[in-house]
Amino acid sequence: DLLDNETIEWLTNVAEFIKLFSKKPTEVQIDGYADSYGTHEHNYKLSIRRAENVRYFLLDQGLDFDLLQVKYHGERYPATSNRSKSNFCWMG
């Protein structure tokens, strides 16, 4: 759930874009997800940590706390099927 270098670079660009090109305060929604490996509770907590890491990174980049809306989804709404080992990020 730590931010890797590629994610940090991408989020830095997003923050700069918002600060430079938004004519009015812009709300940003951050959604935290996890795969279905593990318990529901574990996955929900993982999605919280992931989303909060992004939120605090964007705060460090100068975005306003009140504009950063965060939702935690746990293992709901997977981007891909969780039926294959290759779709689990730590197993790929």
PDB file of N, CA and C in Angstrom:
ATOM      1  N   ASP A   1       0.802  -1.202   0.000  1.00  0.00           N
ATOM      2  CA  ASP A   1       0.000   0.000   0.000  1.00  0.00           C
ATOM      3  C   ASP A   1       0.850   1.274   0.000  1.00  0.00           C
ATOM      4  N   LEU A   2       2.166   1.134  -0.114  1.00  0.00           N
ATOM      5  CA  LEU A   2       3.035   2.300  -0.266  1.00  0.00           C
ATOM      6  C   LEU A   2       3.014   2.769  -1.714  1.00  0.00           C
ATOM      7  N   LEU A   3       3.260   4.041  -1.915  1.00  0.00           N
ATOM      8  CA  LEU A   3       3.282   4.585  -3.270  1.00  0.00           C
ATOM      9  C   LEU A   3       4.625   4.293  -3.921  1.00  0.00           C
ATOM     10  N   ASP A   4       4.594   3.709  -5.110  1.00  0.00           N
ATOM     11  CA  ASP A   4       5.845   3.455  -5.820  1.00  0.00           C
ATOM     12  C   ASP A   4       6.247   4.706  -6.609  1.00  0.00           C
ATOM     13  N   ASN A   5       7.441   4.702  -7.166  1.00  0.00           N
ATOM     14  CA  ASN A   5       7.974   5.889  -7.856  1.00  0.00           C
ATOM     15  C   ASN A   5       7.105   6.320  -9.032  1.00  0.00           C
ATOM     16  N   GLU A   6       6.584   5.358  -9.782  1.00  0.00           N
ATOM     17  CA  GLU A   6       5.736   5.683 -10.928  1.00  0.00           C
ATOM     18  C   GLU A   6       4.450   6.384 -10.472  1.00  0.00           C
ATOM     19  N   THR A   7       3.869   5.894  -9.391  1.00  0.00           N
ATOM     20  CA  THR A   7       2.650   6.500  -8.850  1.00  0.00           C
ATOM     21  C   THR A   7       2.931   7.893  -8.306  1.00  0.00           C
ATOM     22  N   ILE A   8       4.046   8.055  -7.622  1.00  0.00           N
ATOM     23  CA  ILE A   8       4.417   9.368  -7.095  1.00  0.00           C
ATOM     24  C   ILE A   8       4.578  10.373  -8.227  1.00  0.00           C
ATOM     25  N   GLU A   9       5.240   9.977  -9.298  1.00  0.00           N
ATOM     26  CA  GLU A   9       5.418  10.871 -10.445  1.00  0.00           C
ATOM     27  C   GLU A   9       4.060  11.238 -11.042  1.00  0.00           C
ATOM     28  N   TRP A  10       3.187  10.258 -11.201  1.00  0.00           N
ATOM     29  CA  TRP A  10       1.866  10.497 -11.781  1.00  0.00           C
ATOM     30  C   TRP A  10       1.049  11.421 -10.890  1.00  0.00           C
ATOM     31  N   LEU A  11       1.040  11.164  -9.570  1.00  0.00           N
ATOM     32  CA  LEU A  11       0.279  12.005  -8.651  1.00  0.00           C
ATOM     33  C   LEU A  11       0.839  13.417  -8.571  1.00  0.00           C
ATOM     34  N   THR A  12       2.149  13.559  -8.681  1.00  0.00           N
ATOM     35  CA  THR A  12       2.758  14.895  -8.710  1.00  0.00           C
ATOM     36  C   THR A  12       2.248  15.668  -9.913  1.00  0.00           C
ATOM     37  N   ASN A  13       2.183  15.013 -11.063  1.00  0.00           N
ATOM     38  CA  ASN A  13       1.665  15.657 -12.277  1.00  0.00           C
ATOM     39  C   ASN A  13       0.189  16.016 -12.132  1.00  0.00           C
ATOM     40  N   VAL A  14      -0.587  15.138 -11.529  1.00  0.00           N
ATOM     41  CA  VAL A  14      -2.007  15.423 -11.305  1.00  0.00           C
ATOM     42  C   VAL A  14      -2.166  16.645 -10.413  1.00  0.00           C
ATOM     43  N   ALA A  15      -1.422  16.694  -9.324  1.00  0.00           N
ATOM     44  CA  ALA A  15      -1.510  17.831  -8.403  1.00  0.00           C
ATOM     45  C   ALA A  15      -1.112  19.127  -9.094  1.00  0.00           C
ATOM     46  N   GLU A  16      -0.037  19.098  -9.861  1.00  0.00           N
ATOM     47  CA  GLU A  16       0.392  20.303 -10.589  1.00  0.00           C
ATOM     48  C   GLU A  16      -0.663  20.740 -11.594  1.00  0.00           C
ATOM     49  N   PHE A  17      -1.250  19.797 -12.302  1.00  0.00           N
ATOM     50  CA  PHE A  17      -2.297  20.109 -13.264  1.00  0.00           C
ATOM     51  C   PHE A  17      -3.472  20.793 -12.567  1.00  0.00           C
ATOM     52  N   ILE A  18      -3.915  20.238 -11.462  1.00  0.00           N
ATOM     53  CA  ILE A  18      -5.045  20.818 -10.736  1.00  0.00           C
ATOM     54  C   ILE A  18      -4.712  22.227 -10.261  1.00  0.00           C
ATOM     55  N   LYS A  19      -3.533  22.412  -9.716  1.00  0.00           N
ATOM     56  CA  LYS A  19      -3.146  23.737  -9.196  1.00  0.00           C
ATOM     57  C   LYS A  19      -2.990  24.766 -10.311  1.00  0.00           C
ATOM     58  N   LEU A  20      -2.460  24.357 -11.460  1.00  0.00           N
ATOM     59  CA  LEU A  20      -2.183  25.307 -12.536  1.00  0.00           C
ATOM     60  C   LEU A  20      -3.391  25.619 -13.413  1.00  0.00           C
ATOM     61  N   PHE A  21      -4.254  24.647 -13.644  1.00  0.00           N
ATOM     62  CA  PHE A  21      -5.289  24.823 -14.654  1.00  0.00           C
ATOM     63  C   PHE A  21      -6.708  24.908 -14.119  1.00  0.00           C
ATOM     64  N   SER A  22      -6.907  24.736 -12.855  1.00  0.00           N
ATOM     65  CA  SER A  22      -8.253  24.868 -12.301  1.00  0.00           C
ATOM     66  C   SER A  22      -8.519  26.329 -11.983  1.00  0.00           C
ATOM     67  N   LYS A  23      -9.561  26.869 -12.583  1.00  0.00           N
ATOM     68  CA  LYS A  23      -9.917  28.269 -12.336  1.00  0.00           C
ATOM     69  C   LYS A  23     -10.667  28.435 -11.013  1.00  0.00           C
ATOM     70  N   LYS A  24     -11.233  27.366 -10.508  1.00  0.00           N
ATOM     71  CA  LYS A  24     -11.910  27.385  -9.216  1.00  0.00           C
ATOM     72  C   LYS A  24     -11.485  26.128  -8.455  1.00  0.00           C
ATOM     73  N   PRO A  25     -11.720  26.094  -7.155  1.00  0.00           N
ATOM     74  CA  PRO A  25     -11.357  24.889  -6.397  1.00  0.00           C
ATOM     75  C   PRO A  25     -11.990  23.642  -7.017  1.00  0.00           C
ATOM     76  N   THR A  26     -11.204  22.621  -7.176  1.00  0.00           N
ATOM     77  CA  THR A  26     -11.645  21.392  -7.827  1.00  0.00           C
ATOM     78  C   THR A  26     -11.662  20.243  -6.833  1.00  0.00           C
ATOM     79  N   GLU A  27     -12.828  19.607  -6.709  1.00  0.00           N
ATOM     80  CA  GLU A  27     -12.900  18.428  -5.852  1.00  0.00           C
ATOM     81  C   GLU A  27     -12.252  17.246  -6.555  1.00  0.00           C
ATOM     82  N   VAL A  28     -11.541  16.456  -5.786  1.00  0.00           N
ATOM     83  CA  VAL A  28     -10.884  15.262  -6.301  1.00  0.00           C
ATOM     84  C   VAL A  28     -11.407  14.079  -5.510  1.00  0.00           C
ATOM     85  N   GLN A  29     -11.896  13.052  -6.207  1.00  0.00           N
ATOM     86  CA  GLN A  29     -12.336  11.844  -5.520  1.00  0.00           C
ATOM     87  C   GLN A  29     -11.253  10.792  -5.615  1.00  0.00           C
ATOM     88  N   ILE A  30     -10.886  10.261  -4.471  1.00  0.00           N
ATOM     89  CA  ILE A  30      -9.872   9.206  -4.371  1.00  0.00           C
ATOM     90  C   ILE A  30     -10.598   7.936  -3.942  1.00  0.00           C
ATOM     91  N   ASP A  31     -10.477   6.882  -4.741  1.00  0.00           N
ATOM     92  CA  ASP A  31     -11.130   5.615  -4.431  1.00  0.00           C
ATOM     93  C   ASP A  31     -10.076   4.569  -4.096  1.00  0.00           C
ATOM     94  N   GLY A  32     -10.217   3.926  -2.938  1.00  0.00           N
ATOM     95  CA  GLY A  32      -9.301   2.876  -2.531  1.00  0.00           C
ATOM     96  C   GLY A  32      -9.901   1.505  -2.781  1.00  0.00           C
ATOM     97  N   TYR A  33      -9.106   0.604  -3.369  1.00  0.00           N
ATOM     98  CA  TYR A  33      -9.549  -0.747  -3.702  1.00  0.00           C
ATOM     99  C   TYR A  33      -8.536  -1.772  -3.209  1.00  0.00           C
ATOM    100  N   ALA A  34      -8.952  -3.039  -3.218  1.00  0.00           N
ATOM    101  CA  ALA A  34      -8.074  -4.169  -2.938  1.00  0.00           C
ATOM    102  C   ALA A  34      -8.586  -5.352  -3.751  1.00  0.00           C
ATOM    103  N   ASP A  35      -7.746  -6.372  -3.929  1.00  0.00           N
ATOM    104  CA  ASP A  35      -8.236  -7.582  -4.587  1.00  0.00           C
ATOM    105  C   ASP A  35      -8.969  -8.433  -3.551  1.00  0.00           C
ATOM    106  N   SER A  36      -9.421  -9.615  -3.936  1.00  0.00           N
ATOM    107  CA  SER A  36     -10.238 -10.420  -3.028  1.00  0.00           C
ATOM    108  C   SER A  36      -9.423 -11.428  -2.220  1.00  0.00           C
ATOM    109  N   TYR A  37      -8.107 -11.355  -2.272  1.00  0.00           N
ATOM    110  CA  TYR A  37      -7.281 -12.255  -1.474  1.00  0.00           C
ATOM    111  C   TYR A  37      -7.332 -11.798  -0.018  1.00  0.00           C
ATOM    112  N   GLY A  38      -7.624 -12.685   0.881  1.00  0.00           N
ATOM    113  CA  GLY A  38      -7.703 -12.331   2.293  1.00  0.00           C
ATOM    114  C   GLY A  38      -9.138 -12.101   2.726  1.00  0.00           C
ATOM    115  N   THR A  39      -9.295 -11.686   3.975  1.00  0.00           N
ATOM    116  CA  THR A  39     -10.630 -11.478   4.534  1.00  0.00           C
ATOM    117  C   THR A  39     -11.209 -10.148   4.052  1.00  0.00           C
ATOM    118  N   HIS A  40     -12.526 -10.039   4.173  1.00  0.00           N
ATOM    119  CA  HIS A  40     -13.186  -8.778   3.815  1.00  0.00           C
ATOM    120  C   HIS A  40     -12.633  -7.630   4.656  1.00  0.00           C
ATOM    121  N   GLU A  41     -12.449  -7.886   5.950  1.00  0.00           N
ATOM    122  CA  GLU A  41     -11.930  -6.850   6.848  1.00  0.00           C
ATOM    123  C   GLU A  41     -10.523  -6.409   6.431  1.00  0.00           C
ATOM    124  N   HIS A  42      -9.656  -7.371   6.145  1.00  0.00           N
ATOM    125  CA  HIS A  42      -8.295  -7.043   5.713  1.00  0.00           C
ATOM    126  C   HIS A  42      -8.320  -6.203   4.438  1.00  0.00           C
ATOM    127  N   ASN A  43      -9.131  -6.604   3.472  1.00  0.00           N
ATOM    128  CA  ASN A  43      -9.179  -5.886   2.195  1.00  0.00           C
ATOM    129  C   ASN A  43      -9.754  -4.492   2.344  1.00  0.00           C
ATOM    130  N   TYR A  44     -10.746  -4.344   3.220  1.00  0.00           N
ATOM    131  CA  TYR A  44     -11.306  -3.017   3.450  1.00  0.00           C
ATOM    132  C   TYR A  44     -10.259  -2.096   4.084  1.00  0.00           C
ATOM    133  N   LYS A  45      -9.546  -2.619   5.077  1.00  0.00           N
ATOM    134  CA  LYS A  45      -8.493  -1.815   5.721  1.00  0.00           C
ATOM    135  C   LYS A  45      -7.372  -1.478   4.736  1.00  0.00           C
ATOM    136  N   LEU A  46      -7.044  -2.412   3.853  1.00  0.00           N
ATOM    137  CA  LEU A  46      -6.036  -2.156   2.825  1.00  0.00           C
ATOM    138  C   LEU A  46      -6.497  -1.040   1.896  1.00  0.00           C
ATOM    139  N   SER A  47      -7.758  -1.048   1.504  1.00  0.00           N
ATOM    140  CA  SER A  47      -8.264   0.009   0.627  1.00  0.00           C
ATOM    141  C   SER A  47      -8.228   1.370   1.329  1.00  0.00           C
ATOM    142  N   ILE A  48      -8.451   1.382   2.632  1.00  0.00           N
ATOM    143  CA  ILE A  48      -8.348   2.627   3.407  1.00  0.00           C
ATOM    144  C   ILE A  48      -6.911   3.144   3.373  1.00  0.00           C
ATOM    145  N   ARG A  49      -5.950   2.264   3.653  1.00  0.00           N
ATOM    146  CA  ARG A  49      -4.543   2.687   3.674  1.00  0.00           C
ATOM    147  C   ARG A  49      -4.109   3.213   2.305  1.00  0.00           C
ATOM    148  N   ARG A  50      -4.520   2.528   1.254  1.00  0.00           N
ATOM    149  CA  ARG A  50      -4.139   2.957  -0.098  1.00  0.00           C
ATOM    150  C   ARG A  50      -4.709   4.338  -0.422  1.00  0.00           C
ATOM    151  N   ALA A  51      -5.995   4.521  -0.156  1.00  0.00           N
ATOM    152  CA  ALA A  51      -6.615   5.813  -0.460  1.00  0.00           C
ATOM    153  C   ALA A  51      -6.039   6.931   0.406  1.00  0.00           C
ATOM    154  N   GLU A  52      -5.800   6.646   1.674  1.00  0.00           N
ATOM    155  CA  GLU A  52      -5.251   7.675   2.560  1.00  0.00           C
ATOM    156  C   GLU A  52      -3.813   8.036   2.179  1.00  0.00           C
ATOM    157  N   ASN A  53      -3.031   7.072   1.719  1.00  0.00           N
ATOM    158  CA  ASN A  53      -1.682   7.389   1.240  1.00  0.00           C
ATOM    159  C   ASN A  53      -1.739   8.373   0.082  1.00  0.00           C
ATOM    160  N   VAL A  54      -2.678   8.171  -0.817  1.00  0.00           N
ATOM    161  CA  VAL A  54      -2.840   9.101  -1.940  1.00  0.00           C
ATOM    162  C   VAL A  54      -3.292  10.460  -1.426  1.00  0.00           C
ATOM    163  N   ARG A  55      -4.286  10.474  -0.521  1.00  0.00           N
ATOM    164  CA  ARG A  55      -4.777  11.744   0.018  1.00  0.00           C
ATOM    165  C   ARG A  55      -3.633  12.546   0.654  1.00  0.00           C
ATOM    166  N   TYR A  56      -2.844  11.888   1.519  1.00  0.00           N
ATOM    167  CA  TYR A  56      -1.791  12.622   2.215  1.00  0.00           C
ATOM    168  C   TYR A  56      -0.675  13.050   1.274  1.00  0.00           C
ATOM    169  N   PHE A  57      -0.430  12.296   0.239  1.00  0.00           N
ATOM    170  CA  PHE A  57       0.545  12.734  -0.761  1.00  0.00           C
ATOM    171  C   PHE A  57       0.039  14.004  -1.445  1.00  0.00           C
ATOM    172  N   LEU A  58      -1.228  14.027  -1.845  1.00  0.00           N
ATOM    173  CA  LEU A  58      -1.785  15.209  -2.506  1.00  0.00           C
ATOM    174  C   LEU A  58      -1.838  16.407  -1.567  1.00  0.00           C
ATOM    175  N   LEU A  59      -2.079  16.165  -0.287  1.00  0.00           N
ATOM    176  CA  LEU A  59      -2.007  17.257   0.687  1.00  0.00           C
ATOM    177  C   LEU A  59      -0.600  17.832   0.748  1.00  0.00           C
ATOM    178  N   ASP A  60       0.402  16.959   0.738  1.00  0.00           N
ATOM    179  CA  ASP A  60       1.797  17.406   0.743  1.00  0.00           C
ATOM    180  C   ASP A  60       2.137  18.214  -0.504  1.00  0.00           C
ATOM    181  N   GLN A  61       1.387  17.987  -1.571  1.00  0.00           N
ATOM    182  CA  GLN A  61       1.606  18.728  -2.817  1.00  0.00           C
ATOM    183  C   GLN A  61       0.859  20.064  -2.820  1.00  0.00           C
ATOM    184  N   GLY A  62       0.137  20.362  -1.748  1.00  0.00           N
ATOM    185  CA  GLY A  62      -0.510  21.664  -1.614  1.00  0.00           C
ATOM    186  C   GLY A  62      -1.988  21.703  -1.941  1.00  0.00           C
ATOM    187  N   LEU A  63      -2.625  20.553  -2.158  1.00  0.00           N
ATOM    188  CA  LEU A  63      -4.054  20.562  -2.409  1.00  0.00           C
ATOM    189  C   LEU A  63      -4.810  20.706  -1.095  1.00  0.00           C
ATOM    190  N   ASP A  64      -6.007  21.245  -1.156  1.00  0.00           N
ATOM    191  CA  ASP A  64      -6.832  21.544   0.013  1.00  0.00           C
ATOM    192  C   ASP A  64      -7.515  20.282   0.542  1.00  0.00           C
ATOM    193  N   PHE A  65      -7.388  20.037   1.839  1.00  0.00           N
ATOM    194  CA  PHE A  65      -7.976  18.851   2.475  1.00  0.00           C
ATOM    195  C   PHE A  65      -9.460  18.730   2.178  1.00  0.00           C
ATOM    196  N   ASP A  66     -10.187  19.838   2.243  1.00  0.00           N
ATOM    197  CA  ASP A  66     -11.638  19.808   2.058  1.00  0.00           C
ATOM    198  C   ASP A  66     -12.047  19.432   0.641  1.00  0.00           C
ATOM    199  N   LEU A  67     -11.135  19.516  -0.302  1.00  0.00           N
ATOM    200  CA  LEU A  67     -11.454  19.189  -1.693  1.00  0.00           C
ATOM    201  C   LEU A  67     -11.133  17.740  -2.047  1.00  0.00           C
ATOM    202  N   LEU A  68     -10.501  17.019  -1.135  1.00  0.00           N
ATOM    203  CA  LEU A  68     -10.114  15.631  -1.398  1.00  0.00           C
ATOM    204  C   LEU A  68     -11.142  14.691  -0.764  1.00  0.00           C
ATOM    205  N   GLN A  69     -12.036  14.176  -1.588  1.00  0.00           N
ATOM    206  CA  GLN A  69     -13.078  13.255  -1.145  1.00  0.00           C
ATOM    207  C   GLN A  69     -12.551  11.830  -1.285  1.00  0.00           C
ATOM    208  N   VAL A  70     -12.702  11.009  -0.242  1.00  0.00           N
ATOM    209  CA  VAL A  70     -12.135   9.669  -0.249  1.00  0.00           C
ATOM    210  C   VAL A  70     -13.238   8.631  -0.024  1.00  0.00           C
ATOM    211  N   LYS A  71     -13.178   7.552  -0.819  1.00  0.00           N
ATOM    212  CA  LYS A  71     -14.094   6.416  -0.652  1.00  0.00           C
ATOM    213  C   LYS A  71     -13.264   5.143  -0.574  1.00  0.00           C
ATOM    214  N   TYR A  72     -13.714   4.238   0.263  1.00  0.00           N
ATOM    215  CA  TYR A  72     -13.015   2.962   0.449  1.00  0.00           C
ATOM    216  C   TYR A  72     -13.940   1.840  -0.038  1.00  0.00           C
ATOM    217  N   HIS A  73     -13.432   0.986  -0.916  1.00  0.00           N
ATOM    218  CA  HIS A  73     -14.274  -0.050  -1.512  1.00  0.00           C
ATOM    219  C   HIS A  73     -13.860  -1.470  -1.148  1.00  0.00           C
ATOM    220  N   GLY A  74     -12.711  -1.654  -0.530  1.00  0.00           N
ATOM    221  CA  GLY A  74     -12.262  -3.009  -0.238  1.00  0.00           C
ATOM    222  C   GLY A  74     -12.134  -3.797  -1.523  1.00  0.00           C
ATOM    223  N   GLU A  75     -12.722  -4.986  -1.542  1.00  0.00           N
ATOM    224  CA  GLU A  75     -12.606  -5.858  -2.716  1.00  0.00           C
ATOM    225  C   GLU A  75     -13.787  -5.709  -3.672  1.00  0.00           C
ATOM    226  N   ARG A  76     -14.705  -4.795  -3.382  1.00  0.00           N
ATOM    227  CA  ARG A  76     -15.840  -4.564  -4.282  1.00  0.00           C
ATOM    228  C   ARG A  76     -15.358  -3.886  -5.556  1.00  0.00           C
ATOM    229  N   TYR A  77     -16.063  -4.093  -6.647  1.00  0.00           N
ATOM    230  CA  TYR A  77     -15.804  -3.443  -7.930  1.00  0.00           C
ATOM    231  C   TYR A  77     -14.388  -3.714  -8.459  1.00  0.00           C
ATOM    232  N   PRO A  78     -13.977  -4.969  -8.607  1.00  0.00           N
ATOM    233  CA  PRO A  78     -12.624  -5.238  -9.108  1.00  0.00           C
ATOM    234  C   PRO A  78     -12.441  -4.766 -10.549  1.00  0.00           C
ATOM    235  N   ALA A  79     -11.256  -4.296 -10.867  1.00  0.00           N
ATOM    236  CA  ALA A  79     -10.928  -3.867 -12.227  1.00  0.00           C
ATOM    237  C   ALA A  79     -10.819  -5.068 -13.167  1.00  0.00           C
ATOM    238  N   THR A  80     -10.373  -6.206 -12.626  1.00  0.00           N
ATOM    239  CA  THR A  80     -10.268  -7.448 -13.387  1.00  0.00           C
ATOM    240  C   THR A  80     -10.758  -8.585 -12.512  1.00  0.00           C
ATOM    241  N   SER A  81     -10.927  -9.734 -13.118  1.00  0.00           N
ATOM    242  CA  SER A  81     -11.356 -10.914 -12.377  1.00  0.00           C
ATOM    243  C   SER A  81     -10.305 -11.269 -11.328  1.00  0.00           C
ATOM    244  N   ASN A  82     -10.768 -11.700 -10.183  1.00  0.00           N
ATOM    245  CA  ASN A  82      -9.862 -12.155  -9.126  1.00  0.00           C
ATOM    246  C   ASN A  82      -9.704 -13.674  -9.146  1.00  0.00           C
ATOM    247  N   ARG A  83     -10.058 -14.310 -10.253  1.00  0.00           N
ATOM    248  CA  ARG A  83     -10.005 -15.765 -10.344  1.00  0.00           C
ATOM    249  C   ARG A  83      -8.635 -16.280 -10.779  1.00  0.00           C
ATOM    250  N   SER A  84      -7.755 -15.416 -11.236  1.00  0.00           N
ATOM    251  CA  SER A  84      -6.443 -15.834 -11.739  1.00  0.00           C
ATOM    252  C   SER A  84      -5.342 -15.289 -10.840  1.00  0.00           C
ATOM    253  N   LYS A  85      -4.319 -16.124 -10.554  1.00  0.00           N
ATOM    254  CA  LYS A  85      -3.191 -15.665  -9.732  1.00  0.00           C
ATOM    255  C   LYS A  85      -2.489 -14.466 -10.361  1.00  0.00           C
ATOM    256  N   SER A  86      -2.465 -14.399 -11.686  1.00  0.00           N
ATOM    257  CA  SER A  86      -1.767 -13.296 -12.353  1.00  0.00           C
ATOM    258  C   SER A  86      -2.444 -11.947 -12.119  1.00  0.00           C
ATOM    259  N   ASN A  87      -3.700 -11.938 -11.672  1.00  0.00           N
ATOM    260  CA  ASN A  87      -4.395 -10.683 -11.429  1.00  0.00           C
ATOM    261  C   ASN A  87      -4.181 -10.146 -10.017  1.00  0.00           C
ATOM    262  N   PHE A  88      -3.544 -10.922  -9.161  1.00  0.00           N
ATOM    263  CA  PHE A  88      -3.207 -10.420  -7.831  1.00  0.00           C
ATOM    264  C   PHE A  88      -1.860  -9.724  -7.940  1.00  0.00           C
ATOM    265  N   CYS A  89      -1.793  -8.454  -7.534  1.00  0.00           N
ATOM    266  CA  CYS A  89      -0.575  -7.659  -7.765  1.00  0.00           C
ATOM    267  C   CYS A  89       0.657  -8.284  -7.120  1.00  0.00           C
ATOM    268  N   TRP A  90       0.516  -8.935  -5.987  1.00  0.00           N
ATOM    269  CA  TRP A  90       1.693  -9.503  -5.317  1.00  0.00           C
ATOM    270  C   TRP A  90       2.068 -10.871  -5.852  1.00  0.00           C
ATOM    271  N   MET A  91       1.174 -11.481  -6.661  1.00  0.00           N
ATOM    272  CA  MET A  91       1.463 -12.804  -7.181  1.00  0.00           C
ATOM    273  C   MET A  91       1.905 -12.766  -8.632  1.00  0.00           C
ATOM    274  N   GLY A  92       1.600 -11.642  -9.345  1.00  0.00           N
ATOM    275  CA  GLY A  92       1.814 -11.528 -10.782  1.00  0.00           C
ATOM    276  C   GLY A  92       3.139 -11.916 -11.204  1.00  0.00           C
TER     277      GLY A  92
END
